[in-house]
C-alpha atoms as a PDB file:
ATOM      1  CA  MET A   1     116.749 -52.597 -15.508  1.00  0.00           C
ATOM      2  CA  ASP A   2     114.342 -50.757 -17.758  1.00  0.00           C
ATOM      3  CA  LEU A   3     111.690 -53.289 -16.810  1.00  0.00           C
ATOM      4  CA  VAL A   4     111.525 -51.949 -13.193  1.00  0.00           C
ATOM      5  CA  LYS A   5     111.181 -48.426 -14.660  1.00  0.00           C
ATOM      6  CA  TYR A   6     108.389 -49.449 -16.969  1.00  0.00           C
ATOM      7  CA  ALA A   7     106.579 -51.399 -14.289  1.00  0.00           C
ATOM      8  CA  GLY A   8     106.728 -48.373 -12.121  1.00  0.00           C
ATOM      9  CA  ILE A   9     105.367 -46.110 -14.863  1.00  0.00           C
ATOM     10  CA  ALA A  10     102.520 -48.650 -15.553  1.00  0.00           C
ATOM     11  CA  LEU A  11     101.478 -48.616 -11.827  1.00  0.00           C
ATOM     12  CA  THR A  12     101.635 -44.832 -11.928  1.00  0.00           C
ATOM     13  CA  VAL A  13      99.424 -44.687 -15.072  1.00  0.00           C
ATOM     14  CA  LEU A  14      97.150 -47.328 -13.499  1.00  0.00           C
ATOM     15  CA  SER A  15      96.659 -45.080 -10.318  1.00  0.00           C
ATOM     16  CA  PHE A  16      96.120 -42.020 -12.484  1.00  0.00           C
ATOM     17  CA  LEU A  17      93.551 -44.074 -14.655  1.00  0.00           C
ATOM     18  CA  LEU A  18      91.621 -45.145 -11.484  1.00  0.00           C
ATOM     19  CA  LEU A  19      91.450 -41.448 -10.336  1.00  0.00           C
ATOM     20  CA  ILE A  20      90.406 -40.129 -13.762  1.00  0.00           C
ATOM     21  CA  LYS A  21      87.722 -42.728 -14.027  1.00  0.00           C
ATOM     22  CA  GLN A  22      86.043 -41.305 -10.906  1.00  0.00           C
ATOM     23  CA  ILE A  23      86.431 -37.700 -12.054  1.00  0.00           C
ATOM     24  CA  LYS A  24      86.119 -37.719 -15.849  1.00  0.00           C
ATOM     25  CA  PRO A  25      85.477 -41.317 -17.155  1.00  0.00           C
ATOM     26  CA  GLU A  26      85.207 -40.223 -20.768  1.00  0.00           C
ATOM     27  CA  ILE A  27      88.929 -39.371 -21.001  1.00  0.00           C
ATOM     28  CA  ALA A  28      90.248 -42.572 -19.362  1.00  0.00           C
ATOM     29  CA  PRO A  29      90.355 -44.528 -22.564  1.00  0.00           C
ATOM     30  CA  LEU A  30      92.470 -41.767 -24.228  1.00  0.00           C
ATOM     31  CA  VAL A  31      94.935 -41.978 -21.343  1.00  0.00           C
ATOM     32  CA  SER A  32      95.076 -45.741 -21.583  1.00  0.00           C
ATOM     33  CA  LEU A  33      95.592 -45.552 -25.293  1.00  0.00           C
ATOM     34  CA  SER A  34      98.375 -42.981 -24.803  1.00  0.00           C
ATOM     35  CA  ALA A  35     100.181 -45.219 -22.327  1.00  0.00           C
ATOM     36  CA  SER A  36      99.763 -48.183 -24.586  1.00  0.00           C
ATOM     37  CA  VAL A  37     101.557 -46.254 -27.527  1.00  0.00           C
ATOM     38  CA  ILE A  38     104.298 -45.296 -25.243  1.00  0.00           C
ATOM     39  CA  PHE A  39     104.736 -48.934 -24.030  1.00  0.00           C
ATOM     40  CA  MET A  40     104.563 -50.253 -27.534  1.00  0.00           C
ATOM     41  CA  THR A  41     107.317 -47.814 -28.637  1.00  0.00           C
ATOM     42  CA  ALA A  42     109.420 -48.873 -25.618  1.00  0.00           C
ATOM     43  CA  ALA A  43     108.803 -52.617 -26.609  1.00  0.00           C
ATOM     44  CA  ALA A  44     109.881 -51.847 -30.098  1.00  0.00           C
ATOM     45  CA  ALA A  45     112.994 -50.175 -29.013  1.00  0.00           C
ATOM     46  CA  ASN A  46     113.831 -53.003 -26.730  1.00  0.00           C
ATOM     47  CA  LEU A  47     113.397 -55.595 -29.563  1.00  0.00           C
ATOM     48  CA  LEU A  48     115.670 -53.542 -31.932  1.00  0.00           C
ATOM     49  CA  PRO A  49     118.841 -55.271 -30.747  1.00  0.00           C
ATOM     50  CA  THR A  50     117.310 -58.738 -31.290  1.00  0.00           C
ATOM     51  CA  VAL A  51     116.213 -57.678 -34.684  1.00  0.00           C
ATOM     52  CA  GLU A  52     119.703 -56.395 -35.601  1.00  0.00           C
ATOM     53  CA  PHE A  53     121.186 -59.689 -34.233  1.00  0.00           C
ATOM     54  CA  LEU A  54     118.883 -61.759 -36.281  1.00  0.00           C
ATOM     55  CA  ALA A  55     119.421 -59.537 -39.302  1.00  0.00           C
ATOM     56  CA  GLY A  56     123.064 -60.884 -39.429  1.00  0.00           C
ATOM     57  CA  TYR A  57     121.565 -64.236 -40.293  1.00  0.00           C
ATOM     58  CA  ALA A  58     119.171 -62.951 -42.940  1.00  0.00           C
ATOM     59  CA  ASP A  59     121.278 -63.534 -45.990  1.00  0.00           C
ATOM     60  CA  GLY A  60     120.362 -65.820 -48.859  1.00  0.00           C
ATOM     61  CA  ALA A  61     117.532 -68.088 -48.272  1.00  0.00           C
ATOM     62  CA  MET A  62     117.122 -67.142 -44.722  1.00  0.00           C
ATOM     63  CA  GLY A  63     116.269 -63.673 -45.743  1.00  0.00           C
ATOM     64  CA  ASP A  64     112.758 -64.628 -46.790  1.00  0.00           C
ATOM     65  CA  TYR A  65     112.034 -66.397 -43.476  1.00  0.00           C
ATOM     66  CA  TYR A  66     113.456 -63.413 -41.598  1.00  0.00           C
ATOM     67  CA  SER A  67     111.005 -61.079 -43.217  1.00  0.00           C
ATOM     68  CA  TYR A  68     108.167 -63.421 -42.394  1.00  0.00           C
ATOM     69  CA  LEU A  69     109.331 -63.609 -38.843  1.00  0.00           C
ATOM     70  CA  LEU A  70     109.428 -59.862 -38.540  1.00  0.00           C
ATOM     71  CA  LYS A  71     105.986 -59.373 -40.167  1.00  0.00           C
ATOM     72  CA  ALA A  72     104.582 -61.967 -37.801  1.00  0.00           C
ATOM     73  CA  LEU A  73     106.026 -60.284 -34.859  1.00  0.00           C
ATOM     74  CA  GLY A  74     104.566 -56.920 -35.839  1.00  0.00           C
ATOM     75  CA  ILE A  75     101.178 -58.445 -36.543  1.00  0.00           C
ATOM     76  CA  GLY A  76     101.136 -60.089 -33.171  1.00  0.00           C
ATOM     77  CA  MET A  77     102.108 -56.867 -31.291  1.00  0.00           C
ATOM     78  CA  ILE A  78      99.715 -54.740 -32.987  1.00  0.00           C
ATOM     79  CA  VAL A  79      96.781 -57.137 -32.687  1.00  0.00           C
ATOM     80  CA  GLN A  80      97.482 -57.858 -28.929  1.00  0.00           C
ATOM     81  CA  THR A  81      97.617 -54.112 -28.226  1.00  0.00           C
ATOM     82  CA  ALA A  82      94.517 -53.292 -30.166  1.00  0.00           C
ATOM     83  CA  ALA A  83      92.572 -56.132 -28.518  1.00  0.00           C
ATOM     84  CA  ASP A  84      93.790 -55.171 -25.045  1.00  0.00           C
ATOM     85  CA  ILE A  85      92.748 -51.503 -25.580  1.00  0.00           C
ATOM     86  CA  CYS A  86      89.234 -52.747 -26.675  1.00  0.00           C
ATOM     87  CA  THR A  87      88.959 -55.057 -23.800  1.00  0.00           C
ATOM     88  CA  ASP A  88      89.958 -52.253 -21.317  1.00  0.00           C
ATOM     89  CA  ALA A  89      87.263 -50.110 -23.003  1.00  0.00           C
ATOM     90  CA  GLY A  90      84.633 -52.815 -22.204  1.00  0.00           C
ATOM     91  CA  GLU A  91      84.424 -53.971 -25.827  1.00  0.00           C
ATOM     92  CA  GLY A  92      85.373 -57.668 -25.456  1.00  0.00           C
ATOM     93  CA  ALA A  93      83.409 -58.697 -28.636  1.00  0.00           C
ATOM     94  CA  LEU A  94      85.401 -56.115 -30.730  1.00  0.00           C
ATOM     95  CA  ALA A  95      88.653 -57.420 -29.124  1.00  0.00           C
ATOM     96  CA  SER A  96      87.883 -60.979 -30.078  1.00  0.00           C
ATOM     97  CA  LYS A  97      87.062 -59.901 -33.637  1.00  0.00           C
ATOM     98  CA  ILE A  98      90.487 -58.133 -33.878  1.00  0.00           C
ATOM     99  CA  GLU A  99      92.180 -61.193 -32.604  1.00  0.00           C
ATOM    100  CA  LEU A 100      90.361 -63.251 -35.188  1.00  0.00           C
ATOM    101  CA  LEU A 101      91.557 -60.811 -38.014  1.00  0.00           C
ATOM    102  CA  GLY A 102      95.148 -61.109 -36.603  1.00  0.00           C
ATOM    103  CA  ARG A 103      95.010 -64.920 -36.768  1.00  0.00           C
ATOM    104  CA  ALA A 104      93.734 -64.785 -40.358  1.00  0.00           C
ATOM    105  CA  GLU A 105      96.424 -62.359 -41.326  1.00  0.00           C
ATOM    106  CA  LEU A 106      99.001 -64.631 -39.870  1.00  0.00           C
ATOM    107  CA  LEU A 107      97.604 -67.648 -41.799  1.00  0.00           C
ATOM    108  CA  LEU A 108      97.806 -65.470 -45.023  1.00  0.00           C
ATOM    109  CA  LEU A 109     101.418 -64.722 -44.181  1.00  0.00           C
ATOM    110  CA  ALA A 110     102.101 -68.441 -43.775  1.00  0.00           C
ATOM    111  CA  LEU A 111     100.628 -69.540 -47.038  1.00  0.00           C
ATOM    112  CA  PRO A 112     103.775 -68.902 -49.201  1.00  0.00           C
ATOM    113  CA  LEU A 113     105.778 -70.894 -46.581  1.00  0.00           C
ATOM    114  CA  LEU A 114     103.248 -73.615 -46.737  1.00  0.00           C
ATOM    115  CA  LYS A 115     103.445 -73.735 -50.489  1.00  0.00           C
ATOM    116  CA  GLU A 116     107.244 -73.859 -50.427  1.00  0.00           C
ATOM    117  CA  LEU A 117     107.125 -76.660 -47.698  1.00  0.00           C
ATOM    118  CA  LEU A 118     104.689 -78.697 -49.904  1.00  0.00           C
ATOM    119  CA  THR A 119     106.754 -78.087 -53.118  1.00  0.00           C
ATOM    120  CA  THR A 120     109.872 -79.300 -51.322  1.00  0.00           C
ATOM    121  CA  ALA A 121     108.059 -82.402 -49.905  1.00  0.00           C
ATOM    122  CA  GLU A 122     106.666 -83.142 -53.273  1.00  0.00           C
ATOM    123  CA  GLY A 123     110.207 -82.888 -54.924  1.00  0.00           C
ATOM    124  CA  MET A 124     111.630 -85.270 -52.319  1.00  0.00           C
ATOM    125  CA  ILE A 125     108.866 -87.860 -52.954  1.00  0.00           C
ATOM    126  CA  LYS A 126     109.414 -87.900 -56.697  1.00  0.00           C
END
């Protein structure tokens, strides 16, 4: 039940942030960033068993797809966290640009897969 523990920590950090914003608002984004890093680390630790499970299936041709999956997962987590931090800091426009960059990065990541798919389809047609 780590989720209950993390939810409690998040609520505690939120209370602390609300208090800090009244006393010293300039350090509130730093506290929020620190909490985000802690939660990202915890999320990565919680994902580790899933990654290890999937690694058992990452042999042969599936190995390539596995690496794409892991890269996409990492990109998604990093982009979402960065965008959320920007939004919390009141920079919604910057957050949307980070999300756009993340989408573009995912499209670039998918290009080799698309090329392989098209090559396979072309071979089936001939």
